[in-house]
């Protein structure tokens, strides 16, 4: 199993729970895929795209269940990031938790696996 992670707003995640799928954030929909991160990439993703934002959720996903719609593609500095070219079925979600707000410009993360 390869665990990948999505950071999203709490309201967006509540909407996904109500509909049974997560269609992505406005930025995801604009780019044509849902952006994910590996465990080691999360701090950089949070700092670059979610700085100062409260009320976030961290979603852990079993990437192995997503099939060919999941592609690892170059992004920041040529590093490979997981991108999902489909809506995320909630059946692929391993767990979710609220993401701690920043303290002193840094955000704490729970213990993560790759």
PDB file of N, CA and C in Angstrom:
ATOM      1  N   UNK A   1       0.856  -1.185   0.000  1.00  0.00           N
ATOM      2  CA  UNK A   1       0.000   0.000   0.000  1.00  0.00           C
ATOM      3  C   UNK A   1       0.897   1.242   0.000  1.00  0.00           C
ATOM      4  N   UNK A   2       0.538   2.207  -0.809  1.00  0.00           N
ATOM      5  CA  UNK A   2       1.207   3.500  -0.843  1.00  0.00           C
ATOM      6  C   UNK A   2       0.221   4.536  -0.334  1.00  0.00           C
ATOM      7  N   UNK A   3       0.550   5.152   0.792  1.00  0.00           N
ATOM      8  CA  UNK A   3      -0.335   6.164   1.350  1.00  0.00           C
ATOM      9  C   UNK A   3       0.054   7.525   0.797  1.00  0.00           C
ATOM     10  N   UNK A   4      -0.945   8.228   0.263  1.00  0.00           N
ATOM     11  CA  UNK A   4      -0.773   9.592  -0.214  1.00  0.00           C
ATOM     12  C   UNK A   4      -1.725  10.480   0.585  1.00  0.00           C
ATOM     13  N   UNK A   5      -1.464  11.782   0.550  1.00  0.00           N
ATOM     14  CA  UNK A   5      -2.190  12.689   1.432  1.00  0.00           C
ATOM     15  C   UNK A   5      -2.733  13.898   0.681  1.00  0.00           C
ATOM     16  N   UNK A   6      -3.899  14.345   1.127  1.00  0.00           N
ATOM     17  CA  UNK A   6      -4.544  15.535   0.582  1.00  0.00           C
ATOM     18  C   UNK A   6      -4.847  16.483   1.727  1.00  0.00           C
ATOM     19  N   UNK A   7      -4.511  17.747   1.546  1.00  0.00           N
ATOM     20  CA  UNK A   7      -4.914  18.793   2.471  1.00  0.00           C
ATOM     21  C   UNK A   7      -6.075  19.529   1.826  1.00  0.00           C
ATOM     22  N   UNK A   8      -7.144  19.706   2.573  1.00  0.00           N
ATOM     23  CA  UNK A   8      -8.295  20.441   2.022  1.00  0.00           C
ATOM     24  C   UNK A   8      -9.021  21.143   3.160  1.00  0.00           C
ATOM     25  N   UNK A   9      -9.886  22.052   2.792  1.00  0.00           N
ATOM     26  CA  UNK A   9     -10.700  22.757   3.772  1.00  0.00           C
ATOM     27  C   UNK A   9     -11.749  21.847   4.379  1.00  0.00           C
ATOM     28  N   UNK A  10     -12.091  22.122   5.610  1.00  0.00           N
ATOM     29  CA  UNK A  10     -13.071  21.310   6.312  1.00  0.00           C
ATOM     30  C   UNK A  10     -14.421  21.305   5.589  1.00  0.00           C
ATOM     31  N   UNK A  11     -14.860  22.447   5.067  1.00  0.00           N
ATOM     32  CA  UNK A  11     -16.146  22.517   4.364  1.00  0.00           C
ATOM     33  C   UNK A  11     -16.127  21.646   3.111  1.00  0.00           C
ATOM     34  N   UNK A  12     -15.011  21.649   2.386  1.00  0.00           N
ATOM     35  CA  UNK A  12     -14.904  20.823   1.184  1.00  0.00           C
ATOM     36  C   UNK A  12     -14.973  19.343   1.547  1.00  0.00           C
ATOM     37  N   UNK A  13     -14.363  18.976   2.658  1.00  0.00           N
ATOM     38  CA  UNK A  13     -14.395  17.566   3.059  1.00  0.00           C
ATOM     39  C   UNK A  13     -15.793  17.159   3.519  1.00  0.00           C
ATOM     40  N   UNK A  14     -16.482  18.049   4.211  1.00  0.00           N
ATOM     41  CA  UNK A  14     -17.863  17.759   4.620  1.00  0.00           C
ATOM     42  C   UNK A  14     -18.752  17.568   3.399  1.00  0.00           C
ATOM     43  N   UNK A  15     -18.527  18.360   2.367  1.00  0.00           N
ATOM     44  CA  UNK A  15     -19.285  18.203   1.114  1.00  0.00           C
ATOM     45  C   UNK A  15     -18.984  16.844   0.480  1.00  0.00           C
ATOM     46  N   UNK A  16     -17.728  16.434   0.496  1.00  0.00           N
ATOM     47  CA  UNK A  16     -17.356  15.133  -0.057  1.00  0.00           C
ATOM     48  C   UNK A  16     -18.043  14.004   0.699  1.00  0.00           C
ATOM     49  N   UNK A  17     -18.109  14.123   2.006  1.00  0.00           N
ATOM     50  CA  UNK A  17     -18.771  13.089   2.797  1.00  0.00           C
ATOM     51  C   UNK A  17     -20.262  13.007   2.459  1.00  0.00           C
ATOM     52  N   UNK A  18     -20.854  14.139   2.181  1.00  0.00           N
ATOM     53  CA  UNK A  18     -22.277  14.163   1.844  1.00  0.00           C
ATOM     54  C   UNK A  18     -22.551  13.545   0.470  1.00  0.00           C
ATOM     55  N   UNK A  19     -21.603  13.708  -0.467  1.00  0.00           N
ATOM     56  CA  UNK A  19     -21.815  13.219  -1.835  1.00  0.00           C
ATOM     57  C   UNK A  19     -21.160  11.865  -2.100  1.00  0.00           C
ATOM     58  N   UNK A  20     -20.200  11.469  -1.255  1.00  0.00           N
ATOM     59  CA  UNK A  20     -19.534  10.184  -1.440  1.00  0.00           C
ATOM     60  C   UNK A  20     -18.281  10.230  -2.291  1.00  0.00           C
ATOM     61  N   UNK A  21     -17.946  11.403  -2.846  1.00  0.00           N
ATOM     62  CA  UNK A  21     -16.711  11.563  -3.627  1.00  0.00           C
ATOM     63  C   UNK A  21     -16.140  12.952  -3.365  1.00  0.00           C
ATOM     64  N   UNK A  22     -14.820  13.054  -3.540  1.00  0.00           N
ATOM     65  CA  UNK A  22     -14.160  14.349  -3.440  1.00  0.00           C
ATOM     66  C   UNK A  22     -13.718  14.728  -4.842  1.00  0.00           C
ATOM     67  N   UNK A  23     -14.282  15.803  -5.355  1.00  0.00           N
ATOM     68  CA  UNK A  23     -13.987  16.238  -6.716  1.00  0.00           C
ATOM     69  C   UNK A  23     -12.810  17.185  -6.825  1.00  0.00           C
ATOM     70  N   UNK A  24     -12.209  17.543  -5.681  1.00  0.00           N
ATOM     71  CA  UNK A  24     -11.048  18.420  -5.698  1.00  0.00           C
ATOM     72  C   UNK A  24     -11.389  19.841  -5.306  1.00  0.00           C
ATOM     73  N   UNK A  25     -10.342  20.579  -5.026  1.00  0.00           N
ATOM     74  CA  UNK A  25     -10.466  21.995  -4.686  1.00  0.00           C
ATOM     75  C   UNK A  25     -10.633  22.796  -5.980  1.00  0.00           C
ATOM     76  N   UNK A  26     -10.947  24.087  -5.882  1.00  0.00           N
ATOM     77  CA  UNK A  26     -10.996  24.898  -7.101  1.00  0.00           C
ATOM     78  C   UNK A  26      -9.673  24.841  -7.884  1.00  0.00           C
ATOM     79  N   UNK A  27      -8.534  24.850  -7.196  1.00  0.00           N
ATOM     80  CA  UNK A  27      -7.236  24.753  -7.896  1.00  0.00           C
ATOM     81  C   UNK A  27      -7.086  23.407  -8.577  1.00  0.00           C
ATOM     82  N   UNK A  28      -7.527  22.326  -7.920  1.00  0.00           N
ATOM     83  CA  UNK A  28      -7.471  20.994  -8.524  1.00  0.00           C
ATOM     84  C   UNK A  28      -8.306  20.961  -9.807  1.00  0.00           C
ATOM     85  N   UNK A  29      -9.520  21.454  -9.713  1.00  0.00           N
ATOM     86  CA  UNK A  29     -10.409  21.419 -10.884  1.00  0.00           C
ATOM     87  C   UNK A  29      -9.836  22.263 -12.021  1.00  0.00           C
ATOM     88  N   UNK A  30      -9.224  23.381 -11.696  1.00  0.00           N
ATOM     89  CA  UNK A  30      -8.603  24.231 -12.710  1.00  0.00           C
ATOM     90  C   UNK A  30      -7.442  23.513 -13.398  1.00  0.00           C
ATOM     91  N   UNK A  31      -6.665  22.741 -12.625  1.00  0.00           N
ATOM     92  CA  UNK A  31      -5.510  22.027 -13.180  1.00  0.00           C
ATOM     93  C   UNK A  31      -5.890  20.724 -13.870  1.00  0.00           C
ATOM     94  N   UNK A  32      -7.098  20.230 -13.629  1.00  0.00           N
ATOM     95  CA  UNK A  32      -7.555  19.001 -14.290  1.00  0.00           C
ATOM     96  C   UNK A  32      -7.202  17.725 -13.550  1.00  0.00           C
ATOM     97  N   UNK A  33      -6.708  17.844 -12.327  1.00  0.00           N
ATOM     98  CA  UNK A  33      -6.408  16.668 -11.505  1.00  0.00           C
ATOM     99  C   UNK A  33      -6.384  17.091 -10.044  1.00  0.00           C
ATOM    100  N   UNK A  34      -6.490  16.098  -9.143  1.00  0.00           N
ATOM    101  CA  UNK A  34      -6.424  16.374  -7.714  1.00  0.00           C
ATOM    102  C   UNK A  34      -4.975  16.226  -7.271  1.00  0.00           C
ATOM    103  N   UNK A  35      -4.454  17.269  -6.636  1.00  0.00           N
ATOM    104  CA  UNK A  35      -3.086  17.288  -6.132  1.00  0.00           C
ATOM    105  C   UNK A  35      -3.003  16.516  -4.815  1.00  0.00           C
ATOM    106  N   UNK A  36      -2.050  15.612  -4.716  1.00  0.00           N
ATOM    107  CA  UNK A  36      -1.745  14.903  -3.478  1.00  0.00           C
ATOM    108  C   UNK A  36      -0.273  15.100  -3.170  1.00  0.00           C
ATOM    109  N   UNK A  37       0.127  14.664  -1.987  1.00  0.00           N
ATOM    110  CA  UNK A  37       1.528  14.698  -1.572  1.00  0.00           C
ATOM    111  C   UNK A  37       1.883  13.383  -0.907  1.00  0.00           C
ATOM    112  N   UNK A  38       3.143  12.993  -1.016  1.00  0.00           N
ATOM    113  CA  UNK A  38       3.679  11.912  -0.196  1.00  0.00           C
ATOM    114  C   UNK A  38       3.938  12.485   1.197  1.00  0.00           C
ATOM    115  N   UNK A  39       4.147  11.623   2.176  1.00  0.00           N
ATOM    116  CA  UNK A  39       4.329  12.077   3.560  1.00  0.00           C
ATOM    117  C   UNK A  39       5.437  13.122   3.680  1.00  0.00           C
ATOM    118  N   UNK A  40       6.579  12.874   3.061  1.00  0.00           N
ATOM    119  CA  UNK A  40       7.717  13.790   3.179  1.00  0.00           C
ATOM    120  C   UNK A  40       7.465  15.126   2.491  1.00  0.00           C
ATOM    121  N   UNK A  41       6.509  15.189   1.572  1.00  0.00           N
ATOM    122  CA  UNK A  41       6.217  16.406   0.824  1.00  0.00           C
ATOM    123  C   UNK A  41       5.200  17.307   1.530  1.00  0.00           C
ATOM    124  N   UNK A  42       4.499  16.778   2.529  1.00  0.00           N
ATOM    125  CA  UNK A  42       3.408  17.535   3.161  1.00  0.00           C
ATOM    126  C   UNK A  42       3.827  18.864   3.771  1.00  0.00           C
ATOM    127  N   UNK A  43       4.912  18.939   4.537  1.00  0.00           N
ATOM    128  CA  UNK A  43       5.271  20.254   5.099  1.00  0.00           C
ATOM    129  C   UNK A  43       5.477  21.320   4.022  1.00  0.00           C
ATOM    130  N   UNK A  44       6.135  20.973   2.932  1.00  0.00           N
ATOM    131  CA  UNK A  44       6.343  21.928   1.845  1.00  0.00           C
ATOM    132  C   UNK A  44       5.044  22.325   1.181  1.00  0.00           C
ATOM    133  N   UNK A  45       4.167  21.350   0.975  1.00  0.00           N
ATOM    134  CA  UNK A  45       2.857  21.638   0.373  1.00  0.00           C
ATOM    135  C   UNK A  45       2.050  22.562   1.271  1.00  0.00           C
ATOM    136  N   UNK A  46       2.037  22.265   2.563  1.00  0.00           N
ATOM    137  CA  UNK A  46       1.279  23.100   3.500  1.00  0.00           C
ATOM    138  C   UNK A  46       1.817  24.520   3.521  1.00  0.00           C
ATOM    139  N   UNK A  47       3.142  24.656   3.549  1.00  0.00           N
ATOM    140  CA  UNK A  47       3.750  25.988   3.597  1.00  0.00           C
ATOM    141  C   UNK A  47       3.496  26.776   2.326  1.00  0.00           C
ATOM    142  N   UNK A  48       3.563  26.118   1.174  1.00  0.00           N
ATOM    143  CA  UNK A  48       3.421  26.815  -0.101  1.00  0.00           C
ATOM    144  C   UNK A  48       1.966  27.152  -0.437  1.00  0.00           C
ATOM    145  N   UNK A  49       1.056  26.224  -0.179  1.00  0.00           N
ATOM    146  CA  UNK A  49      -0.313  26.396  -0.657  1.00  0.00           C
ATOM    147  C   UNK A  49      -1.352  26.680   0.431  1.00  0.00           C
ATOM    148  N   UNK A  50      -0.992  26.465   1.710  1.00  0.00           N
ATOM    149  CA  UNK A  50      -1.990  26.596   2.776  1.00  0.00           C
ATOM    150  C   UNK A  50      -1.508  27.467   3.934  1.00  0.00           C
ATOM    151  N   UNK A  51      -0.481  28.270   3.717  1.00  0.00           N
ATOM    152  CA  UNK A  51       0.069  29.123   4.778  1.00  0.00           C
ATOM    153  C   UNK A  51      -1.018  30.036   5.346  1.00  0.00           C
ATOM    154  N   UNK A  52      -1.111  30.039   6.669  1.00  0.00           N
ATOM    155  CA  UNK A  52      -2.047  30.924   7.347  1.00  0.00           C
ATOM    156  C   UNK A  52      -3.497  30.497   7.301  1.00  0.00           C
ATOM    157  N   UNK A  53      -3.808  29.407   6.632  1.00  0.00           N
ATOM    158  CA  UNK A  53      -5.205  28.976   6.520  1.00  0.00           C
ATOM    159  C   UNK A  53      -5.591  28.080   7.697  1.00  0.00           C
ATOM    160  N   UNK A  54      -6.642  28.444   8.422  1.00  0.00           N
ATOM    161  CA  UNK A  54      -7.144  27.581   9.499  1.00  0.00           C
ATOM    162  C   UNK A  54      -8.212  26.625   8.958  1.00  0.00           C
ATOM    163  N   UNK A  55      -8.642  25.697   9.787  1.00  0.00           N
ATOM    164  CA  UNK A  55      -9.766  24.834   9.445  1.00  0.00           C
ATOM    165  C   UNK A  55      -9.480  23.849   8.325  1.00  0.00           C
ATOM    166  N   UNK A  56      -8.288  23.265   8.328  1.00  0.00           N
ATOM    167  CA  UNK A  56      -7.919  22.320   7.272  1.00  0.00           C
ATOM    168  C   UNK A  56      -8.047  20.882   7.754  1.00  0.00           C
ATOM    169  N   UNK A  57      -8.233  19.996   6.790  1.00  0.00           N
ATOM    170  CA  UNK A  57      -8.294  18.563   7.054  1.00  0.00           C
ATOM    171  C   UNK A  57      -7.120  17.892   6.357  1.00  0.00           C
ATOM    172  N   UNK A  58      -6.633  16.815   6.960  1.00  0.00           N
ATOM    173  CA  UNK A  58      -5.641  15.966   6.330  1.00  0.00           C
ATOM    174  C   UNK A  58      -6.323  14.644   6.024  1.00  0.00           C
ATOM    175  N   UNK A  59      -6.241  14.239   4.761  1.00  0.00           N
ATOM    176  CA  UNK A  59      -6.901  13.026   4.285  1.00  0.00           C
ATOM    177  C   UNK A  59      -5.828  12.049   3.819  1.00  0.00           C
ATOM    178  N   UNK A  60      -5.810  10.851   4.414  1.00  0.00           N
ATOM    179  CA  UNK A  60      -4.871   9.797   4.022  1.00  0.00           C
ATOM    180  C   UNK A  60      -5.588   8.845   3.076  1.00  0.00           C
ATOM    181  N   UNK A  61      -4.949   8.539   1.950  1.00  0.00           N
ATOM    182  CA  UNK A  61      -5.579   7.750   0.893  1.00  0.00           C
ATOM    183  C   UNK A  61      -4.685   6.573   0.514  1.00  0.00           C
ATOM    184  N   UNK A  62      -5.293   5.429   0.277  1.00  0.00           N
ATOM    185  CA  UNK A  62      -4.570   4.259  -0.231  1.00  0.00           C
ATOM    186  C   UNK A  62      -4.399   4.444  -1.733  1.00  0.00           C
ATOM    187  N   UNK A  63      -3.234   4.929  -2.134  1.00  0.00           N
ATOM    188  CA  UNK A  63      -2.977   5.202  -3.539  1.00  0.00           C
ATOM    189  C   UNK A  63      -3.059   3.975  -4.424  1.00  0.00           C
ATOM    190  N   UNK A  64      -2.792   2.793  -3.867  1.00  0.00           N
ATOM    191  CA  UNK A  64      -2.820   1.561  -4.658  1.00  0.00           C
ATOM    192  C   UNK A  64      -4.215   1.231  -5.174  1.00  0.00           C
ATOM    193  N   UNK A  65      -5.245   1.771  -4.544  1.00  0.00           N
ATOM    194  CA  UNK A  65      -6.613   1.468  -4.967  1.00  0.00           C
ATOM    195  C   UNK A  65      -7.100   2.368  -6.107  1.00  0.00           C
ATOM    196  N   UNK A  66      -6.298   3.360  -6.491  1.00  0.00           N
ATOM    197  CA  UNK A  66      -6.754   4.357  -7.460  1.00  0.00           C
ATOM    198  C   UNK A  66      -6.429   3.996  -8.904  1.00  0.00           C
ATOM    199  N   UNK A  67      -5.665   2.957  -9.119  1.00  0.00           N
ATOM    200  CA  UNK A  67      -5.393   2.465 -10.467  1.00  0.00           C
ATOM    201  C   UNK A  67      -4.647   3.469 -11.333  1.00  0.00           C
ATOM    202  N   UNK A  68      -4.897   3.372 -12.633  1.00  0.00           N
ATOM    203  CA  UNK A  68      -4.179   4.173 -13.626  1.00  0.00           C
ATOM    204  C   UNK A  68      -4.515   5.660 -13.561  1.00  0.00           C
ATOM    205  N   UNK A  69      -5.580   6.026 -12.849  1.00  0.00           N
ATOM    206  CA  UNK A  69      -5.937   7.446 -12.724  1.00  0.00           C
ATOM    207  C   UNK A  69      -4.941   8.200 -11.853  1.00  0.00           C
ATOM    208  N   UNK A  70      -4.143   7.461 -11.056  1.00  0.00           N
ATOM    209  CA  UNK A  70      -3.121   8.085 -10.222  1.00  0.00           C
ATOM    210  C   UNK A  70      -1.790   8.052 -10.962  1.00  0.00           C
ATOM    211  N   UNK A  71      -1.214   9.235 -11.142  1.00  0.00           N
ATOM    212  CA  UNK A  71       0.080   9.347 -11.836  1.00  0.00           C
ATOM    213  C   UNK A  71       1.040  10.153 -10.979  1.00  0.00           C
ATOM    214  N   UNK A  72       2.292   9.714 -10.962  1.00  0.00           N
ATOM    215  CA  UNK A  72       3.344  10.453 -10.265  1.00  0.00           C
ATOM    216  C   UNK A  72       4.045  11.306 -11.304  1.00  0.00           C
ATOM    217  N   UNK A  73       3.932  12.632 -11.146  1.00  0.00           N
ATOM    218  CA  UNK A  73       4.434  13.552 -12.163  1.00  0.00           C
ATOM    219  C   UNK A  73       5.332  14.615 -11.532  1.00  0.00           C
ATOM    220  N   UNK A  74       6.292  15.124 -12.331  1.00  0.00           N
ATOM    221  CA  UNK A  74       7.199  16.157 -11.805  1.00  0.00           C
ATOM    222  C   UNK A  74       6.450  17.441 -11.454  1.00  0.00           C
ATOM    223  N   UNK A  75       6.854  18.022 -10.338  1.00  0.00           N
ATOM    224  CA  UNK A  75       6.295  19.301  -9.915  1.00  0.00           C
ATOM    225  C   UNK A  75       7.434  20.116  -9.318  1.00  0.00           C
ATOM    226  N   UNK A  76       7.259  20.643  -8.096  1.00  0.00           N
ATOM    227  CA  UNK A  76       8.280  21.483  -7.467  1.00  0.00           C
ATOM    228  C   UNK A  76       9.683  20.894  -7.634  1.00  0.00           C
ATOM    229  N   UNK A  77      10.550  21.607  -8.328  1.00  0.00           N
ATOM    230  CA  UNK A  77      11.938  21.193  -8.461  1.00  0.00           C
ATOM    231  C   UNK A  77      12.128  19.852  -9.130  1.00  0.00           C
ATOM    232  N   UNK A  78      11.160  19.409  -9.915  1.00  0.00           N
ATOM    233  CA  UNK A  78      11.260  18.126 -10.602  1.00  0.00           C
ATOM    234  C   UNK A  78      10.881  16.935  -9.745  1.00  0.00           C
ATOM    235  N   UNK A  79      10.535  17.168  -8.474  1.00  0.00           N
ATOM    236  CA  UNK A  79      10.133  16.081  -7.584  1.00  0.00           C
ATOM    237  C   UNK A  79       8.804  15.490  -8.056  1.00  0.00           C
ATOM    238  N   UNK A  80       8.658  14.172  -7.957  1.00  0.00           N
ATOM    239  CA  UNK A  80       7.430  13.512  -8.387  1.00  0.00           C
ATOM    240  C   UNK A  80       6.355  13.623  -7.318  1.00  0.00           C
ATOM    241  N   UNK A  81       5.180  14.101  -7.735  1.00  0.00           N
ATOM    242  CA  UNK A  81       4.019  14.226  -6.855  1.00  0.00           C
ATOM    243  C   UNK A  81       2.880  13.382  -7.401  1.00  0.00           C
ATOM    244  N   UNK A  82       2.045  12.824  -6.516  1.00  0.00           N
ATOM    245  CA  UNK A  82       0.882  12.058  -6.974  1.00  0.00           C
ATOM    246  C   UNK A  82      -0.250  12.986  -7.413  1.00  0.00           C
ATOM    247  N   UNK A  83      -0.758  12.736  -8.614  1.00  0.00           N
ATOM    248  CA  UNK A  83      -1.885  13.488  -9.171  1.00  0.00           C
ATOM    249  C   UNK A  83      -2.970  12.494  -9.569  1.00  0.00           C
ATOM    250  N   UNK A  84      -4.197  12.765  -9.169  1.00  0.00           N
ATOM    251  CA  UNK A  84      -5.321  11.876  -9.480  1.00  0.00           C
ATOM    252  C   UNK A  84      -6.180  12.507 -10.558  1.00  0.00           C
ATOM    253  N   UNK A  85      -6.267  11.827 -11.696  1.00  0.00           N
ATOM    254  CA  UNK A  85      -7.063  12.301 -12.832  1.00  0.00           C
ATOM    255  C   UNK A  85      -8.458  11.698 -12.791  1.00  0.00           C
ATOM    256  N   UNK A  86      -9.122  11.844 -11.678  1.00  0.00           N
ATOM    257  CA  UNK A  86     -10.487  11.363 -11.461  1.00  0.00           C
ATOM    258  C   UNK A  86     -10.940  11.935 -10.127  1.00  0.00           C
ATOM    259  N   UNK A  87     -12.215  11.800  -9.842  1.00  0.00           N
ATOM    260  CA  UNK A  87     -12.700  12.156  -8.509  1.00  0.00           C
ATOM    261  C   UNK A  87     -12.193  11.102  -7.524  1.00  0.00           C
ATOM    262  N   UNK A  88     -11.975  11.512  -6.292  1.00  0.00           N
ATOM    263  CA  UNK A  88     -11.509  10.593  -5.264  1.00  0.00           C
ATOM    264  C   UNK A  88     -12.698   9.874  -4.643  1.00  0.00           C
ATOM    265  N   UNK A  89     -12.778   8.550  -4.808  1.00  0.00           N
ATOM    266  CA  UNK A  89     -13.855   7.815  -4.125  1.00  0.00           C
ATOM    267  C   UNK A  89     -13.524   7.707  -2.640  1.00  0.00           C
ATOM    268  N   UNK A  90     -14.492   7.934  -1.794  1.00  0.00           N
ATOM    269  CA  UNK A  90     -14.225   7.903  -0.359  1.00  0.00           C
ATOM    270  C   UNK A  90     -13.854   6.502   0.116  1.00  0.00           C
ATOM    271  N   UNK A  91     -14.139   5.489  -0.674  1.00  0.00           N
ATOM    272  CA  UNK A  91     -13.739   4.124  -0.323  1.00  0.00           C
ATOM    273  C   UNK A  91     -12.215   3.968  -0.288  1.00  0.00           C
ATOM    274  N   UNK A  92     -11.474   4.870  -0.924  1.00  0.00           N
ATOM    275  CA  UNK A  92     -10.016   4.812  -0.930  1.00  0.00           C
ATOM    276  C   UNK A  92      -9.397   5.525   0.276  1.00  0.00           C
ATOM    277  N   UNK A  93     -10.212   6.215   1.053  1.00  0.00           N
ATOM    278  CA  UNK A  93      -9.716   6.986   2.193  1.00  0.00           C
ATOM    279  C   UNK A  93      -9.442   6.058   3.372  1.00  0.00           C
ATOM    280  N   UNK A  94      -8.229   6.156   3.913  1.00  0.00           N
ATOM    281  CA  UNK A  94      -7.839   5.356   5.068  1.00  0.00           C
ATOM    282  C   UNK A  94      -8.255   6.023   6.364  1.00  0.00           C
ATOM    283  N   UNK A  95      -8.046   7.325   6.464  1.00  0.00           N
ATOM    284  CA  UNK A  95      -8.432   8.088   7.641  1.00  0.00           C
ATOM    285  C   UNK A  95      -8.376   9.580   7.312  1.00  0.00           C
ATOM    286  N   UNK A  96      -9.011  10.358   8.179  1.00  0.00           N
ATOM    287  CA  UNK A  96      -8.947  11.814   8.093  1.00  0.00           C
ATOM    288  C   UNK A  96      -8.734  12.356   9.503  1.00  0.00           C
ATOM    289  N   UNK A  97      -8.172  13.553   9.580  1.00  0.00           N
ATOM    290  CA  UNK A  97      -8.069  14.228  10.871  1.00  0.00           C
ATOM    291  C   UNK A  97      -7.940  15.731  10.617  1.00  0.00           C
ATOM    292  N   UNK A  98      -8.384  16.523  11.583  1.00  0.00           N
ATOM    293  CA  UNK A  98      -8.163  17.965  11.455  1.00  0.00           C
ATOM    294  C   UNK A  98      -6.661  18.226  11.465  1.00  0.00           C
ATOM    295  N   UNK A  99      -6.222  19.153  10.643  1.00  0.00           N
ATOM    296  CA  UNK A  99      -4.814  19.532  10.587  1.00  0.00           C
ATOM    297  C   UNK A  99      -4.606  20.728  11.511  1.00  0.00           C
ATOM    298  N   UNK A 100      -3.610  20.633  12.357  1.00  0.00           N
ATOM    299  CA  UNK A 100      -3.346  21.701  13.319  1.00  0.00           C
ATOM    300  C   UNK A 100      -3.093  23.026  12.606  1.00  0.00           C
ATOM    301  N   UNK A 101      -3.606  24.097  13.185  1.00  0.00           N
ATOM    302  CA  UNK A 101      -3.318  25.425  12.656  1.00  0.00           C
ATOM    303  C   UNK A 101      -1.843  25.739  12.888  1.00  0.00           C
ATOM    304  N   UNK A 102      -1.333  26.681  12.134  1.00  0.00           N
ATOM    305  CA  UNK A 102       0.060  27.085  12.277  1.00  0.00           C
ATOM    306  C   UNK A 102       0.297  27.771  13.613  1.00  0.00           C
ATOM    307  N   UNK A 103       1.481  27.538  14.167  1.00  0.00           N
ATOM    308  CA  UNK A 103       1.948  28.241  15.356  1.00  0.00           C
ATOM    309  C   UNK A 103       3.340  28.745  15.010  1.00  0.00           C
ATOM    310  N   UNK A 104       3.496  30.053  15.022  1.00  0.00           N
ATOM    311  CA  UNK A 104       4.788  30.629  14.679  1.00  0.00           C
ATOM    312  C   UNK A 104       5.227  30.317  13.257  1.00  0.00           C
ATOM    313  N   UNK A 105       4.259  30.201  12.347  1.00  0.00           N
ATOM    314  CA  UNK A 105       4.570  29.940  10.946  1.00  0.00           C
ATOM    315  C   UNK A 105       4.855  28.477  10.624  1.00  0.00           C
ATOM    316  N   UNK A 106       4.699  27.590  11.617  1.00  0.00           N
ATOM    317  CA  UNK A 106       4.938  26.167  11.387  1.00  0.00           C
ATOM    318  C   UNK A 106       3.666  25.386  11.732  1.00  0.00           C
ATOM    319  N   UNK A 107       3.472  24.301  11.023  1.00  0.00           N
ATOM    320  CA  UNK A 107       2.294  23.463  11.226  1.00  0.00           C
ATOM    321  C   UNK A 107       2.753  22.067  11.647  1.00  0.00           C
ATOM    322  N   UNK A 108       2.161  21.547  12.708  1.00  0.00           N
ATOM    323  CA  UNK A 108       2.486  20.197  13.166  1.00  0.00           C
ATOM    324  C   UNK A 108       1.650  19.181  12.396  1.00  0.00           C
ATOM    325  N   UNK A 109       2.257  18.044  12.113  1.00  0.00           N
ATOM    326  CA  UNK A 109       1.568  16.954  11.413  1.00  0.00           C
ATOM    327  C   UNK A 109       1.548  15.723  12.296  1.00  0.00           C
ATOM    328  N   UNK A 110       0.504  14.899  12.168  1.00  0.00           N
ATOM    329  CA  UNK A 110       0.525  13.633  12.897  1.00  0.00           C
ATOM    330  C   UNK A 110       1.610  12.720  12.312  1.00  0.00           C
ATOM    331  N   UNK A 111       1.882  11.624  12.981  1.00  0.00           N
ATOM    332  CA  UNK A 111       2.854  10.674  12.451  1.00  0.00           C
ATOM    333  C   UNK A 111       2.268  10.062  11.174  1.00  0.00           C
ATOM    334  N   UNK A 112       3.074  10.054  10.123  1.00  0.00           N
ATOM    335  CA  UNK A 112       2.607   9.632   8.803  1.00  0.00           C
ATOM    336  C   UNK A 112       3.438   8.463   8.288  1.00  0.00           C
ATOM    337  N   UNK A 113       2.815   7.669   7.412  1.00  0.00           N
ATOM    338  CA  UNK A 113       3.532   6.600   6.718  1.00  0.00           C
ATOM    339  C   UNK A 113       3.506   6.902   5.229  1.00  0.00           C
ATOM    340  N   UNK A 114       4.467   6.328   4.521  1.00  0.00           N
ATOM    341  CA  UNK A 114       4.532   6.529   3.066  1.00  0.00           C
ATOM    342  C   UNK A 114       3.774   5.448   2.351  1.00  0.00           C
TER     343      UNK A 114
END
